[in-house]
Amino acid sequence: MRTSTSIREQAAYPANIRGELISQPLTLATDYALGLTALAAAVLLARKRQDPRSLPARLWAAGFASLAAAAFLGGTWHGFAPRLPEIAAEAIWKATLAATGLASFFLVAGTACGSVGRRPAAAITALAAAKLAAFLAWAGFHDEYDGVVVDTGVAMAAILVLQLVARVRRGARSAPWIAAGILVSVAAAGIEAAGVSPGGPFTHDDLYHLVQIGGVLLLYRGALRLEKPVTG
């Protein structure tokens, strides 16, 4: 996905890049790989969690599906935006931002349902919905990826706290996996922010996507173990 490049800066891309069929093929490929991983996690969670206590996992499935949409849209933007009309490229990017916001909402809501009682979970879900509304309002007037970093960071912090509470109170088996997934995701974000790159055509965006795939797999293992508390 993109960092700080404005959609309006597409016109500044070198002519040879703008003339290619796919402007950033590796970034497109790694973004699509991340999308396929998240989509597989969503499908597997939706299929395997059918019992009455599986609401947290079903919400996480929706979160992974939203993340998959964001990755596919972001990869499409990276690959084809310079060849698209500006209005089409902007629509794709705005949809990418919206999908990341939805992913954060569903993951927080699912974690709340699987970590605390019904009333606090409902309150946390309402706060997550308010955060989503604020993020979507921001995204309507901004293109920067910084807003995604902040929104996702707040969501990941909330998820980590909720799982630590569940671990302490009832030994939640999901907590170690989700905590590990968050740590890997933080490492991926650090790579993106610092612009760490192996060099050559392989950019920091590509490395970010590949590391984030590992984070998604760990988060998926945690989501498989999420269940509604018996009481509360």
Protein backbone atom coordinates (compact mmCIF):
# COMPACT_ATOMS: atom_id res chain seq x y z
CA MET A 1 0.00 0.00 0.00
CA ARG A 2 0.99 3.61 -0.45
CA THR A 3 2.64 5.78 2.19
CA SER A 4 2.50 9.54 1.61
CA THR A 5 2.35 9.97 -2.16
CA SER A 6 -0.68 12.04 -3.12
CA ILE A 7 -2.96 10.88 -5.88
CA ARG A 8 -2.43 14.27 -7.45
CA GLU A 9 1.31 13.55 -7.64
CA GLN A 10 0.76 10.78 -10.20
CA ALA A 11 1.41 13.32 -12.92
CA ALA A 12 4.93 13.69 -11.56
CA TYR A 13 5.77 10.00 -12.13
CA PRO A 14 8.57 9.47 -14.67
CA ALA A 15 7.30 9.06 -18.20
CA ASN A 16 8.78 5.59 -18.58
CA ILE A 17 6.86 4.40 -15.48
CA ARG A 18 3.64 5.99 -16.66
CA GLY A 19 3.98 4.23 -19.99
CA GLU A 20 4.30 0.74 -18.56
CA LEU A 21 1.32 -1.60 -18.32
CA ILE A 22 2.01 -2.21 -14.61
CA SER A 23 3.87 0.63 -12.93
CA GLN A 24 4.96 -1.23 -9.74
CA PRO A 25 4.68 -4.97 -10.47
CA LEU A 26 6.41 -6.21 -7.29
CA THR A 27 4.31 -4.00 -5.07
CA LEU A 28 1.17 -5.15 -6.85
CA ALA A 29 2.22 -8.80 -6.46
CA THR A 30 3.09 -8.56 -2.77
CA ASP A 31 -0.08 -6.60 -2.02
CA TYR A 32 -2.13 -9.24 -3.81
CA ALA A 33 -0.27 -11.97 -1.88
CA LEU A 34 -1.23 -10.22 1.37
CA GLY A 35 -4.81 -9.98 0.11
CA LEU A 36 -4.96 -13.67 -0.73
CA THR A 37 -3.59 -14.57 2.72
CA ALA A 38 -6.18 -12.41 4.48
CA LEU A 39 -8.96 -13.74 2.25
CA ALA A 40 -7.98 -17.34 3.02
CA ALA A 41 -8.01 -16.53 6.74
CA ALA A 42 -11.48 -15.01 6.40
CA VAL A 43 -12.88 -18.02 4.53
CA LEU A 44 -11.35 -20.56 6.91
CA LEU A 45 -12.62 -18.71 9.97
CA ALA A 46 -16.12 -18.41 8.51
CA ARG A 47 -16.20 -22.13 7.71
CA LYS A 48 -14.74 -23.50 10.93
CA ARG A 49 -16.49 -21.33 13.50
CA GLN A 50 -20.18 -22.27 13.41
CA ASP A 51 -21.02 -22.81 17.10
CA PRO A 52 -23.04 -20.25 19.12
CA ARG A 53 -19.92 -18.88 20.83
CA SER A 54 -18.15 -18.13 17.56
CA LEU A 55 -19.26 -14.49 17.11
CA PRO A 56 -15.73 -13.17 17.84
CA ALA A 57 -14.22 -15.36 15.13
CA ARG A 58 -16.95 -14.41 12.67
CA LEU A 59 -16.23 -10.73 13.28
CA TRP A 60 -12.55 -11.42 12.75
CA ALA A 61 -13.46 -13.15 9.49
CA ALA A 62 -15.16 -9.91 8.41
CA GLY A 63 -12.05 -8.01 9.48
CA PHE A 64 -9.78 -10.26 7.42
CA ALA A 65 -12.13 -9.92 4.45
CA SER A 66 -11.91 -6.13 4.76
CA LEU A 67 -8.13 -6.35 5.00
CA ALA A 68 -8.09 -8.50 1.86
CA ALA A 69 -10.17 -5.89 0.05
CA ALA A 70 -7.76 -3.15 1.16
CA ALA A 71 -4.75 -5.14 -0.06
CA PHE A 72 -6.32 -5.93 -3.45
CA LEU A 73 -7.39 -2.32 -3.92
CA GLY A 74 -4.03 -0.99 -2.77
CA GLY A 75 -2.18 -3.36 -5.09
CA THR A 76 -4.39 -2.27 -7.97
CA TRP A 77 -3.64 1.36 -7.19
CA HIS A 78 0.11 0.69 -7.14
CA GLY A 79 -0.04 -1.25 -10.38
CA PHE A 80 -2.39 0.78 -12.52
CA ALA A 81 -3.05 4.25 -11.05
CA PRO A 82 -0.72 6.11 -13.45
CA ARG A 83 -2.67 4.71 -16.41
CA LEU A 84 -6.12 5.46 -14.98
CA PRO A 85 -8.10 8.68 -15.07
CA GLU A 86 -7.44 10.64 -11.89
CA ILE A 87 -11.02 10.24 -10.68
CA ALA A 88 -10.78 6.45 -11.01
CA ALA A 89 -7.42 6.30 -9.24
CA GLU A 90 -8.76 8.47 -6.44
CA ALA A 91 -11.85 6.30 -6.06
CA ILE A 92 -9.68 3.18 -5.74
CA TRP A 93 -7.53 4.82 -3.10
CA LYS A 94 -10.49 6.13 -1.12
CA ALA A 95 -11.97 2.60 -1.17
CA THR A 96 -8.62 1.29 0.08
CA LEU A 97 -8.71 3.67 3.02
CA ALA A 98 -12.31 2.76 3.84
CA ALA A 99 -11.50 -0.96 3.77
CA THR A 100 -8.63 -0.52 6.23
CA GLY A 101 -10.95 1.35 8.57
CA LEU A 102 -13.54 -1.42 8.36
CA ALA A 103 -10.87 -4.02 9.09
CA SER A 104 -9.85 -2.20 12.27
CA PHE A 105 -13.47 -1.93 13.38
CA PHE A 106 -14.28 -5.61 12.91
CA LEU A 107 -11.07 -6.79 14.58
CA VAL A 108 -11.65 -4.59 17.65
CA ALA A 109 -15.33 -5.61 17.87
CA GLY A 110 -14.45 -9.29 17.54
CA THR A 111 -11.73 -9.05 20.17
CA ALA A 112 -14.05 -7.25 22.58
CA CYS A 113 -16.69 -9.98 22.16
CA GLY A 114 -14.06 -12.64 22.80
CA SER A 115 -12.34 -10.94 25.73
CA VAL A 116 -14.84 -9.27 28.06
CA GLY A 117 -18.48 -9.54 29.06
CA ARG A 118 -21.47 -8.54 26.98
CA ARG A 119 -21.96 -5.00 28.31
CA PRO A 120 -18.32 -3.85 28.15
CA ALA A 121 -18.01 -5.52 24.74
CA ALA A 122 -21.03 -3.56 23.50
CA ALA A 123 -19.54 -0.31 24.83
CA ILE A 124 -16.18 -1.01 23.19
CA THR A 125 -17.88 -1.88 19.90
CA ALA A 126 -19.76 1.42 20.03
CA LEU A 127 -16.48 3.26 20.56
CA ALA A 128 -14.95 1.34 17.67
CA ALA A 129 -17.89 2.37 15.48
CA ALA A 130 -17.37 6.02 16.47
CA LYS A 131 -13.67 5.68 15.62
CA LEU A 132 -14.60 4.22 12.24
CA ALA A 133 -16.98 7.11 11.54
CA ALA A 134 -14.27 9.63 12.44
CA PHE A 135 -11.72 7.84 10.27
CA LEU A 136 -14.07 7.70 7.28
CA ALA A 137 -14.81 11.41 7.68
CA TRP A 138 -11.06 12.10 7.72
CA ALA A 139 -10.47 9.88 4.70
CA GLY A 140 -13.07 11.78 2.75
CA PHE A 141 -10.76 14.79 2.70
CA HIS A 142 -7.28 13.25 2.96
CA ASP A 143 -5.16 10.81 0.96
CA GLU A 144 -2.19 10.29 3.29
CA TYR A 145 -1.47 6.81 4.62
CA ASP A 146 -0.49 8.34 7.96
CA GLY A 147 -4.13 8.30 9.01
CA VAL A 148 -4.29 4.56 8.39
CA VAL A 149 -1.20 4.07 10.56
CA VAL A 150 -2.78 6.00 13.43
CA ASP A 151 -6.18 4.30 13.11
CA THR A 152 -4.65 0.83 12.88
CA GLY A 153 -2.25 1.57 15.73
CA VAL A 154 -5.12 2.54 18.03
CA ALA A 155 -7.01 -0.61 17.04
CA MET A 156 -4.00 -2.87 17.62
CA ALA A 157 -3.36 -1.29 21.02
CA ALA A 158 -6.99 -1.87 22.02
CA ILE A 159 -6.85 -5.48 20.82
CA LEU A 160 -3.66 -6.12 22.77
CA VAL A 161 -5.08 -4.68 26.00
CA LEU A 162 -8.31 -6.66 25.63
CA GLN A 163 -6.43 -9.89 25.08
CA LEU A 164 -4.11 -9.25 28.01
CA VAL A 165 -7.20 -8.77 30.19
CA ALA A 166 -8.69 -12.02 28.86
CA ARG A 167 -5.40 -13.84 29.43
CA VAL A 168 -5.17 -12.68 33.05
CA ARG A 169 -8.83 -13.30 33.88
CA ARG A 170 -9.42 -16.66 32.20
CA GLY A 171 -6.21 -17.76 30.52
CA ALA A 172 -7.43 -17.01 26.98
CA ARG A 173 -5.57 -19.28 24.55
CA SER A 174 -5.89 -16.70 21.79
CA ALA A 175 -3.81 -14.05 23.56
CA PRO A 176 -0.24 -15.30 22.83
CA TRP A 177 -0.98 -15.75 19.13
CA ILE A 178 -2.68 -12.38 18.75
CA ALA A 179 0.05 -10.62 20.72
CA ALA A 180 2.67 -12.21 18.45
CA GLY A 181 0.72 -11.16 15.37
CA ILE A 182 0.55 -7.58 16.63
CA LEU A 183 4.30 -7.52 17.31
CA VAL A 184 5.01 -8.72 13.77
CA SER A 185 2.58 -6.12 12.40
CA VAL A 186 4.39 -3.41 14.39
CA ALA A 187 7.67 -4.60 12.90
CA ALA A 188 6.12 -4.39 9.43
CA ALA A 189 4.92 -0.85 10.14
CA GLY A 190 8.43 0.05 11.30
CA ILE A 191 9.85 -1.22 8.01
CA GLU A 192 7.34 0.89 6.13
CA ALA A 193 7.97 4.02 8.20
CA ALA A 194 11.76 3.71 8.04
CA GLY A 195 11.80 2.89 4.34
CA VAL A 196 13.84 -0.27 4.89
CA SER A 197 14.49 -1.99 1.55
CA PRO A 198 16.70 -4.86 0.37
CA GLY A 199 17.54 -2.73 -2.67
CA GLY A 200 17.02 -3.07 -6.38
CA PRO A 201 13.42 -3.23 -7.56
CA PHE A 202 12.31 -4.61 -4.17
CA THR A 203 10.97 -1.60 -2.22
CA HIS A 204 10.09 -1.04 1.42
CA ASP A 205 6.41 -1.42 0.45
CA ASP A 206 7.14 -4.93 -0.86
CA LEU A 207 9.02 -5.94 2.29
CA TYR A 208 6.24 -4.48 4.43
CA HIS A 209 3.66 -6.62 2.66
CA LEU A 210 5.68 -9.81 3.07
CA VAL A 211 6.31 -9.25 6.79
CA GLN A 212 2.65 -8.36 7.27
CA ILE A 213 1.67 -11.72 5.76
CA GLY A 214 3.43 -13.34 8.73
CA GLY A 215 1.46 -11.09 11.07
CA VAL A 216 -1.83 -12.08 9.44
CA LEU A 217 -1.03 -15.78 9.82
CA LEU A 218 -0.31 -15.35 13.53
CA LEU A 219 -3.46 -13.28 14.03
CA TYR A 220 -5.46 -15.97 12.25
CA ARG A 221 -4.15 -18.63 14.64
CA GLY A 222 -5.27 -16.43 17.52
CA ALA A 223 -8.69 -15.79 15.99
CA LEU A 224 -9.29 -19.53 15.76
CA ARG A 225 -9.10 -19.64 19.56
CA LEU A 226 -11.37 -16.65 20.25
CA GLU A 227 -14.63 -17.49 22.00
CA LYS A 228 -17.29 -15.50 23.81
CA PRO A 229 -16.81 -15.56 27.60
CA VAL A 230 -19.16 -18.02 29.29
CA THR A 231 -20.39 -15.34 31.70
CA GLY A 232 -20.66 -11.57 31.68
